[in-house]
Amino acid sequence: DRNNHPCFNVHAKGKCGRAHLPVAPACNIKCNY
């Protein structure tokens, strides 16, 4: 259910969780911050 994404839907943030998978170590830009 697309509504179960807590970052895109504030009403889901208290019941739906996320798991970030850190698989992308490289970056193709350099931001000044």
PDB file of all heavy atoms in Angstrom:
ATOM      1  N   ASP A   1       0.857  -1.180   0.000  1.00  0.00           N
ATOM      2  CA  ASP A   1       0.000   0.000   0.000  1.00  0.00           C
ATOM      3  C   ASP A   1       0.895   1.232   0.000  1.00  0.00           C
ATOM      4  O   ASP A   1       1.672   1.449   0.940  1.00  0.00           O
ATOM      5  CB  ASP A   1      -0.895  -0.019   1.237  1.00  0.00           C
ATOM      6  CG  ASP A   1      -1.885   1.146   1.279  1.00  0.00           C
ATOM      7  OD1 ASP A   1      -1.700   2.124   0.516  1.00  0.00           O
ATOM      8  OD2 ASP A   1      -2.828   1.085   2.078  1.00  0.00           O
ATOM      9  N   ARG A   2       0.811   2.040  -1.046  1.00  0.00           N
ATOM     10  CA  ARG A   2       1.684   3.208  -1.152  1.00  0.00           C
ATOM     11  C   ARG A   2       1.533   4.172   0.021  1.00  0.00           C
ATOM     12  O   ARG A   2       2.440   4.949   0.313  1.00  0.00           O
ATOM     13  CB  ARG A   2       1.404   3.952  -2.462  1.00  0.00           C
ATOM     14  CG  ARG A   2       1.908   3.231  -3.703  1.00  0.00           C
ATOM     15  CD  ARG A   2       1.825   4.133  -4.913  1.00  0.00           C
ATOM     16  NE  ARG A   2       2.427   3.526  -6.085  1.00  0.00           N
ATOM     17  CZ  ARG A   2       2.750   4.194  -7.185  1.00  0.00           C
ATOM     18  NH1 ARG A   2       2.506   5.497  -7.268  1.00  0.00           N
ATOM     19  NH2 ARG A   2       3.300   3.578  -8.215  1.00  0.00           N
ATOM     20  N   ASN A   3       0.428   4.123   0.698  1.00  0.00           N
ATOM     21  CA  ASN A   3       0.215   5.015   1.840  1.00  0.00           C
ATOM     22  C   ASN A   3       1.024   4.597   3.060  1.00  0.00           C
ATOM     23  O   ASN A   3       1.087   5.330   4.050  1.00  0.00           O
ATOM     24  CB  ASN A   3      -1.275   5.050   2.205  1.00  0.00           C
ATOM     25  CG  ASN A   3      -2.105   5.718   1.129  1.00  0.00           C
ATOM     26  OD1 ASN A   3      -1.695   6.723   0.553  1.00  0.00           O
ATOM     27  ND2 ASN A   3      -3.268   5.157   0.842  1.00  0.00           N
ATOM     28  N   ASN A   4       1.646   3.410   2.989  1.00  0.00           N
ATOM     29  CA  ASN A   4       2.404   2.909   4.144  1.00  0.00           C
ATOM     30  C   ASN A   4       3.863   3.352   4.145  1.00  0.00           C
ATOM     31  O   ASN A   4       4.708   2.687   4.738  1.00  0.00           O
ATOM     32  CB  ASN A   4       2.343   1.381   4.183  1.00  0.00           C
ATOM     33  CG  ASN A   4       0.980   0.876   4.617  1.00  0.00           C
ATOM     34  OD1 ASN A   4       0.241   1.572   5.304  1.00  0.00           O
ATOM     35  ND2 ASN A   4       0.636  -0.336   4.202  1.00  0.00           N
ATOM     36  N   HIS A   5       4.154   4.454   3.483  1.00  0.00           N
ATOM     37  CA  HIS A   5       5.513   5.005   3.522  1.00  0.00           C
ATOM     38  C   HIS A   5       5.540   6.169   4.513  1.00  0.00           C
ATOM     39  O   HIS A   5       4.909   7.207   4.284  1.00  0.00           O
ATOM     40  CB  HIS A   5       5.942   5.491   2.145  1.00  0.00           C
ATOM     41  CG  HIS A   5       7.422   5.695   2.030  1.00  0.00           C
ATOM     42  ND1 HIS A   5       8.142   6.482   2.908  1.00  0.00           N
ATOM     43  CD2 HIS A   5       8.326   5.186   1.149  1.00  0.00           C
ATOM     44  CE1 HIS A   5       9.426   6.468   2.566  1.00  0.00           C
ATOM     45  NE2 HIS A   5       9.569   5.692   1.513  1.00  0.00           N
ATOM     46  N   PRO A   6       6.248   6.022   5.635  1.00  0.00           N
ATOM     47  CA  PRO A   6       6.182   7.028   6.695  1.00  0.00           C
ATOM     48  C   PRO A   6       6.766   8.390   6.325  1.00  0.00           C
ATOM     49  O   PRO A   6       6.403   9.399   6.946  1.00  0.00           O
ATOM     50  CB  PRO A   6       6.979   6.387   7.838  1.00  0.00           C
ATOM     51  CG  PRO A   6       7.926   5.444   7.149  1.00  0.00           C
ATOM     52  CD  PRO A   6       7.158   4.914   5.972  1.00  0.00           C
ATOM     53  N   CYS A   7       7.663   8.450   5.340  1.00  0.00           N
ATOM     54  CA  CYS A   7       8.247   9.736   4.965  1.00  0.00           C
ATOM     55  C   CYS A   7       7.321  10.519   4.036  1.00  0.00           C
ATOM     56  O   CYS A   7       7.304  11.753   4.047  1.00  0.00           O
ATOM     57  CB  CYS A   7       9.599   9.526   4.292  1.00  0.00           C
ATOM     58  SG  CYS A   7      10.796   8.661   5.332  1.00  0.00           S
ATOM     59  N   PHE A   8       6.562   9.804   3.240  1.00  0.00           N
ATOM     60  CA  PHE A   8       5.672  10.454   2.284  1.00  0.00           C
ATOM     61  C   PHE A   8       4.275  10.676   2.863  1.00  0.00           C
ATOM     62  O   PHE A   8       3.492  11.440   2.314  1.00  0.00           O
ATOM     63  CB  PHE A   8       5.561   9.603   1.016  1.00  0.00           C
ATOM     64  CG  PHE A   8       6.802   9.618   0.155  1.00  0.00           C
ATOM     65  CD1 PHE A   8       7.961   8.985   0.560  1.00  0.00           C
ATOM     66  CD2 PHE A   8       6.807  10.274  -1.069  1.00  0.00           C
ATOM     67  CE1 PHE A   8       9.103   8.985  -0.234  1.00  0.00           C
ATOM     68  CE2 PHE A   8       7.947  10.289  -1.874  1.00  0.00           C
ATOM     69  CZ  PHE A   8       9.101   9.645  -1.452  1.00  0.00           C
ATOM     70  N   ASN A   9       3.959   9.988   3.952  1.00  0.00           N
ATOM     71  CA  ASN A   9       2.632  10.088   4.555  1.00  0.00           C
ATOM     72  C   ASN A   9       2.771  10.229   6.060  1.00  0.00           C
ATOM     73  O   ASN A   9       3.111   9.274   6.757  1.00  0.00           O
ATOM     74  CB  ASN A   9       1.804   8.841   4.207  1.00  0.00           C
ATOM     75  CG  ASN A   9       0.418   8.877   4.813  1.00  0.00           C
ATOM     76  OD1 ASN A   9      -0.039   9.898   5.307  1.00  0.00           O
ATOM     77  ND2 ASN A   9      -0.269   7.734   4.772  1.00  0.00           N
ATOM     78  N   VAL A  10       2.509  11.428   6.565  1.00  0.00           N
ATOM     79  CA  VAL A  10       2.695  11.702   7.994  1.00  0.00           C
ATOM     80  C   VAL A  10       1.814  10.811   8.855  1.00  0.00           C
ATOM     81  O   VAL A  10       2.176  10.475   9.991  1.00  0.00           O
ATOM     82  CB  VAL A  10       2.418  13.195   8.292  1.00  0.00           C
ATOM     83  CG1 VAL A  10       0.959  13.548   8.041  1.00  0.00           C
ATOM     84  CG2 VAL A  10       2.831  13.550   9.708  1.00  0.00           C
ATOM     85  N   HIS A  11       0.678  10.365   8.325  1.00  0.00           N
ATOM     86  CA  HIS A  11      -0.234   9.533   9.115  1.00  0.00           C
ATOM     87  C   HIS A  11       0.298   8.109   9.300  1.00  0.00           C
ATOM     88  O   HIS A  11      -0.214   7.362  10.130  1.00  0.00           O
ATOM     89  CB  HIS A  11      -1.613   9.500   8.440  1.00  0.00           C
ATOM     90  CG  HIS A  11      -2.237  10.856   8.275  1.00  0.00           C
ATOM     91  ND1 HIS A  11      -2.623  11.630   9.347  1.00  0.00           N
ATOM     92  CD2 HIS A  11      -2.503  11.585   7.150  1.00  0.00           C
ATOM     93  CE1 HIS A  11      -3.118  12.785   8.907  1.00  0.00           C
ATOM     94  NE2 HIS A  11      -3.060  12.777   7.582  1.00  0.00           N
ATOM     95  N   ALA A  12       1.333   7.739   8.536  1.00  0.00           N
ATOM     96  CA  ALA A  12       1.894   6.395   8.653  1.00  0.00           C
ATOM     97  C   ALA A  12       3.116   6.344   9.556  1.00  0.00           C
ATOM     98  O   ALA A  12       3.602   5.260   9.895  1.00  0.00           O
ATOM     99  CB  ALA A  12       2.272   5.867   7.262  1.00  0.00           C
ATOM    100  N   LYS A  13       3.628   7.512   9.969  1.00  0.00           N
ATOM    101  CA  LYS A  13       4.922   7.522  10.646  1.00  0.00           C
ATOM    102  C   LYS A  13       4.921   6.852  12.018  1.00  0.00           C
ATOM    103  O   LYS A  13       5.969   6.416  12.489  1.00  0.00           O
ATOM    104  CB  LYS A  13       5.441   8.961  10.780  1.00  0.00           C
ATOM    105  CG  LYS A  13       4.776   9.822  11.831  1.00  0.00           C
ATOM    106  CD  LYS A  13       5.349  11.225  11.804  1.00  0.00           C
ATOM    107  CE  LYS A  13       4.791  12.095  12.930  1.00  0.00           C
ATOM    108  NZ  LYS A  13       5.419  11.762  14.220  1.00  0.00           N
ATOM    109  N   GLY A  14       3.770   6.718  12.639  1.00  0.00           N
ATOM    110  CA  GLY A  14       3.730   6.090  13.953  1.00  0.00           C
ATOM    111  C   GLY A  14       3.482   4.598  13.924  1.00  0.00           C
ATOM    112  O   GLY A  14       3.585   3.929  14.958  1.00  0.00           O
ATOM    113  N   LYS A  15       3.175   4.055  12.737  1.00  0.00           N
ATOM    114  CA  LYS A  15       2.867   2.629  12.652  1.00  0.00           C
ATOM    115  C   LYS A  15       3.664   1.884  11.583  1.00  0.00           C
ATOM    116  O   LYS A  15       3.735   0.651  11.602  1.00  0.00           O
ATOM    117  CB  LYS A  15       1.378   2.420  12.398  1.00  0.00           C
ATOM    118  CG  LYS A  15       0.870   3.067  11.111  1.00  0.00           C
ATOM    119  CD  LYS A  15      -0.623   2.851  10.928  1.00  0.00           C
ATOM    120  CE  LYS A  15      -1.113   3.492   9.622  1.00  0.00           C
ATOM    121  NZ  LYS A  15      -2.562   3.282   9.425  1.00  0.00           N
ATOM    122  N   CYS A  16       4.235   2.621  10.642  1.00  0.00           N
ATOM    123  CA  CYS A  16       4.995   1.996   9.559  1.00  0.00           C
ATOM    124  C   CYS A  16       6.463   2.424   9.644  1.00  0.00           C
ATOM    125  O   CYS A  16       6.763   3.615   9.779  1.00  0.00           O
ATOM    126  CB  CYS A  16       4.426   2.396   8.192  1.00  0.00           C
ATOM    127  SG  CYS A  16       2.722   1.855   7.921  1.00  0.00           S
ATOM    128  N   GLY A  17       7.351   1.456   9.557  1.00  0.00           N
ATOM    129  CA  GLY A  17       8.773   1.756   9.675  1.00  0.00           C
ATOM    130  C   GLY A  17       9.511   1.597   8.369  1.00  0.00           C
ATOM    131  O   GLY A  17       8.987   1.074   7.382  1.00  0.00           O
ATOM    132  N   ARG A  18      10.784   2.042   8.377  1.00  0.00           N
ATOM    133  CA  ARG A  18      11.631   1.935   7.187  1.00  0.00           C
ATOM    134  C   ARG A  18      12.959   1.319   7.587  1.00  0.00           C
ATOM    135  O   ARG A  18      13.407   1.426   8.722  1.00  0.00           O
ATOM    136  CB  ARG A  18      11.840   3.287   6.501  1.00  0.00           C
ATOM    137  CG  ARG A  18      12.907   4.210   7.121  1.00  0.00           C
ATOM    138  CD  ARG A  18      12.530   4.679   8.493  1.00  0.00           C
ATOM    139  NE  ARG A  18      13.411   5.734   9.000  1.00  0.00           N
ATOM    140  CZ  ARG A  18      13.955   5.704  10.210  1.00  0.00           C
ATOM    141  NH1 ARG A  18      13.782   4.664  11.001  1.00  0.00           N
ATOM    142  NH2 ARG A  18      14.693   6.715  10.628  1.00  0.00           N
ATOM    143  N   ALA A  19      13.585   0.657   6.614  1.00  0.00           N
ATOM    144  CA  ALA A  19      14.928   0.117   6.806  1.00  0.00           C
ATOM    145  C   ALA A  19      15.787   0.607   5.659  1.00  0.00           C
ATOM    146  O   ALA A  19      15.538   0.267   4.500  1.00  0.00           O
ATOM    147  CB  ALA A  19      14.897  -1.403   6.835  1.00  0.00           C
ATOM    148  N   HIS A  20      16.763   1.447   5.972  1.00  0.00           N
ATOM    149  CA  HIS A  20      17.679   1.935   4.949  1.00  0.00           C
ATOM    150  C   HIS A  20      18.810   0.921   4.756  1.00  0.00           C
ATOM    151  O   HIS A  20      19.395   0.451   5.728  1.00  0.00           O
ATOM    152  CB  HIS A  20      18.269   3.287   5.364  1.00  0.00           C
ATOM    153  CG  HIS A  20      17.303   4.422   5.218  1.00  0.00           C
ATOM    154  ND1 HIS A  20      17.607   5.717   5.602  1.00  0.00           N
ATOM    155  CD2 HIS A  20      16.044   4.467   4.717  1.00  0.00           C
ATOM    156  CE1 HIS A  20      16.581   6.496   5.346  1.00  0.00           C
ATOM    157  NE2 HIS A  20      15.614   5.761   4.816  1.00  0.00           N
ATOM    158  N   LEU A  21      19.108   0.632   3.512  1.00  0.00           N
ATOM    159  CA  LEU A  21      20.153  -0.324   3.167  1.00  0.00           C
ATOM    160  C   LEU A  21      21.348   0.442   2.613  1.00  0.00           C
ATOM    161  O   LEU A  21      21.308   0.928   1.477  1.00  0.00           O
ATOM    162  CB  LEU A  21      19.624  -1.318   2.130  1.00  0.00           C
ATOM    163  CG  LEU A  21      18.322  -2.029   2.514  1.00  0.00           C
ATOM    164  CD1 LEU A  21      17.814  -2.879   1.357  1.00  0.00           C
ATOM    165  CD2 LEU A  21      18.511  -2.880   3.774  1.00  0.00           C
ATOM    166  N   PRO A  22      22.425   0.583   3.383  1.00  0.00           N
ATOM    167  CA  PRO A  22      23.565   1.399   2.954  1.00  0.00           C
ATOM    168  C   PRO A  22      24.463   0.672   1.955  1.00  0.00           C
ATOM    169  O   PRO A  22      25.534   0.167   2.301  1.00  0.00           O
ATOM    170  CB  PRO A  22      24.296   1.695   4.266  1.00  0.00           C
ATOM    171  CG  PRO A  22      23.998   0.494   5.123  1.00  0.00           C
ATOM    172  CD  PRO A  22      22.608   0.066   4.758  1.00  0.00           C
ATOM    173  N   VAL A  23      24.029   0.613   0.722  1.00  0.00           N
ATOM    174  CA  VAL A  23      24.762  -0.124  -0.313  1.00  0.00           C
ATOM    175  C   VAL A  23      25.439   0.798  -1.325  1.00  0.00           C
ATOM    176  O   VAL A  23      26.066   0.321  -2.272  1.00  0.00           O
ATOM    177  CB  VAL A  23      23.824  -1.084  -1.075  1.00  0.00           C
ATOM    178  CG1 VAL A  23      23.232  -2.115  -0.136  1.00  0.00           C
ATOM    179  CG2 VAL A  23      22.717  -0.319  -1.798  1.00  0.00           C
ATOM    180  N   ALA A  24      25.297   2.117  -1.144  1.00  0.00           N
ATOM    181  CA  ALA A  24      25.788   3.068  -2.151  1.00  0.00           C
ATOM    182  C   ALA A  24      26.847   3.991  -1.556  1.00  0.00           C
ATOM    183  O   ALA A  24      26.560   5.138  -1.190  1.00  0.00           O
ATOM    184  CB  ALA A  24      24.620   3.895  -2.698  1.00  0.00           C
ATOM    185  N   PRO A  25      28.097   3.533  -1.442  1.00  0.00           N
ATOM    186  CA  PRO A  25      29.124   4.349  -0.793  1.00  0.00           C
ATOM    187  C   PRO A  25      29.671   5.493  -1.642  1.00  0.00           C
ATOM    188  O   PRO A  25      30.137   6.486  -1.103  1.00  0.00           O
ATOM    189  CB  PRO A  25      30.231   3.330  -0.491  1.00  0.00           C
ATOM    190  CG  PRO A  25      30.069   2.284  -1.549  1.00  0.00           C
ATOM    191  CD  PRO A  25      28.591   2.183  -1.791  1.00  0.00           C
ATOM    192  N   ALA A  26      29.632   5.371  -2.953  1.00  0.00           N
ATOM    193  CA  ALA A  26      30.241   6.382  -3.822  1.00  0.00           C
ATOM    194  C   ALA A  26      29.281   7.549  -4.077  1.00  0.00           C
ATOM    195  O   ALA A  26      28.066   7.411  -3.961  1.00  0.00           O
ATOM    196  CB  ALA A  26      30.645   5.755  -5.154  1.00  0.00           C
ATOM    197  N   CYS A  27      29.858   8.684  -4.440  1.00  0.00           N
ATOM    198  CA  CYS A  27      29.021   9.822  -4.816  1.00  0.00           C
ATOM    199  C   CYS A  27      29.618  10.497  -6.045  1.00  0.00           C
ATOM    200  O   CYS A  27      30.844  10.542  -6.213  1.00  0.00           O
ATOM    201  CB  CYS A  27      28.876  10.828  -3.681  1.00  0.00           C
ATOM    202  SG  CYS A  27      27.452  11.943  -3.929  1.00  0.00           S
ATOM    203  N   ASN A  28      28.747  11.026  -6.902  1.00  0.00           N
ATOM    204  CA  ASN A  28      29.191  11.649  -8.145  1.00  0.00           C
ATOM    205  C   ASN A  28      29.134  13.167  -8.114  1.00  0.00           C
ATOM    206  O   ASN A  28      29.331  13.822  -9.141  1.00  0.00           O
ATOM    207  CB  ASN A  28      28.373  11.115  -9.334  1.00  0.00           C
ATOM    208  CG  ASN A  28      26.882  11.091  -9.034  1.00  0.00           C
ATOM    209  OD1 ASN A  28      26.425  11.644  -8.035  1.00  0.00           O
ATOM    210  ND2 ASN A  28      26.120  10.425  -9.887  1.00  0.00           N
ATOM    211  N   ILE A  29      28.849  13.729  -6.938  1.00  0.00           N
ATOM    212  CA  ILE A  29      28.887  15.182  -6.786  1.00  0.00           C
ATOM    213  C   ILE A  29      29.509  15.514  -5.431  1.00  0.00           C
ATOM    214  O   ILE A  29      29.595  14.664  -4.537  1.00  0.00           O
ATOM    215  CB  ILE A  29      27.483  15.828  -6.888  1.00  0.00           C
ATOM    216  CG1 ILE A  29      26.637  15.530  -5.639  1.00  0.00           C
ATOM    217  CG2 ILE A  29      26.755  15.348  -8.136  1.00  0.00           C
ATOM    218  CD1 ILE A  29      25.320  16.277  -5.614  1.00  0.00           C
ATOM    219  N   LYS A  30      29.929  16.770  -5.288  1.00  0.00           N
ATOM    220  CA  LYS A  30      30.433  17.252  -3.996  1.00  0.00           C
ATOM    221  C   LYS A  30      29.693  18.521  -3.646  1.00  0.00           C
ATOM    222  O   LYS A  30      29.835  19.552  -4.305  1.00  0.00           O
ATOM    223  CB  LYS A  30      31.937  17.540  -4.062  1.00  0.00           C
ATOM    224  CG  LYS A  30      32.507  18.040  -2.724  1.00  0.00           C
ATOM    225  CD  LYS A  30      32.438  16.923  -1.674  1.00  0.00           C
ATOM    226  CE  LYS A  30      33.114  17.343  -0.371  1.00  0.00           C
ATOM    227  NZ  LYS A  30      32.309  18.337   0.385  1.00  0.00           N
ATOM    228  N   CYS A  31      28.835  18.401  -2.630  1.00  0.00           N
ATOM    229  CA  CYS A  31      28.078  19.565  -2.152  1.00  0.00           C
ATOM    230  C   CYS A  31      28.882  20.267  -1.064  1.00  0.00           C
ATOM    231  O   CYS A  31      29.573  19.627  -0.274  1.00  0.00           O
ATOM    232  CB  CYS A  31      26.722  19.139  -1.606  1.00  0.00           C
ATOM    233  SG  CYS A  31      25.669  18.318  -2.812  1.00  0.00           S
ATOM    234  N   ASN A  32      28.751  21.558  -0.996  1.00  0.00           N
ATOM    235  CA  ASN A  32      29.549  22.343  -0.047  1.00  0.00           C
ATOM    236  C   ASN A  32      29.119  22.183   1.402  1.00  0.00           C
ATOM    237  O   ASN A  32      29.795  22.685   2.299  1.00  0.00           O
ATOM    238  CB  ASN A  32      29.514  23.817  -0.439  1.00  0.00           C
ATOM    239  CG  ASN A  32      30.374  24.110  -1.650  1.00  0.00           C
ATOM    240  OD1 ASN A  32      31.402  23.475  -1.861  1.00  0.00           O
ATOM    241  ND2 ASN A  32      29.950  25.063  -2.468  1.00  0.00           N
ATOM    242  N   TYR A  33      28.016  21.468   1.634  1.00  0.00           N
ATOM    243  CA  TYR A  33      27.572  21.237   3.010  1.00  0.00           C
ATOM    244  C   TYR A  33      27.811  19.800   3.460  1.00  0.00           C
ATOM    245  O   TYR A  33      27.513  19.443   4.592  1.00  0.00           O
ATOM    246  CB  TYR A  33      26.082  21.571   3.166  1.00  0.00           C
ATOM    247  CG  TYR A  33      25.183  20.895   2.149  1.00  0.00           C
ATOM    248  CD1 TYR A  33      24.884  19.543   2.215  1.00  0.00           C
ATOM    249  CD2 TYR A  33      24.633  21.628   1.111  1.00  0.00           C
ATOM    250  CE1 TYR A  33      24.077  18.935   1.283  1.00  0.00           C
ATOM    251  CE2 TYR A  33      23.812  21.046   0.161  1.00  0.00           C
ATOM    252  CZ  TYR A  33      23.537  19.683   0.262  1.00  0.00           C
ATOM    253  OH  TYR A  33      22.729  19.083  -0.678  1.00  0.00           O
TER     254      TYR A  33
END
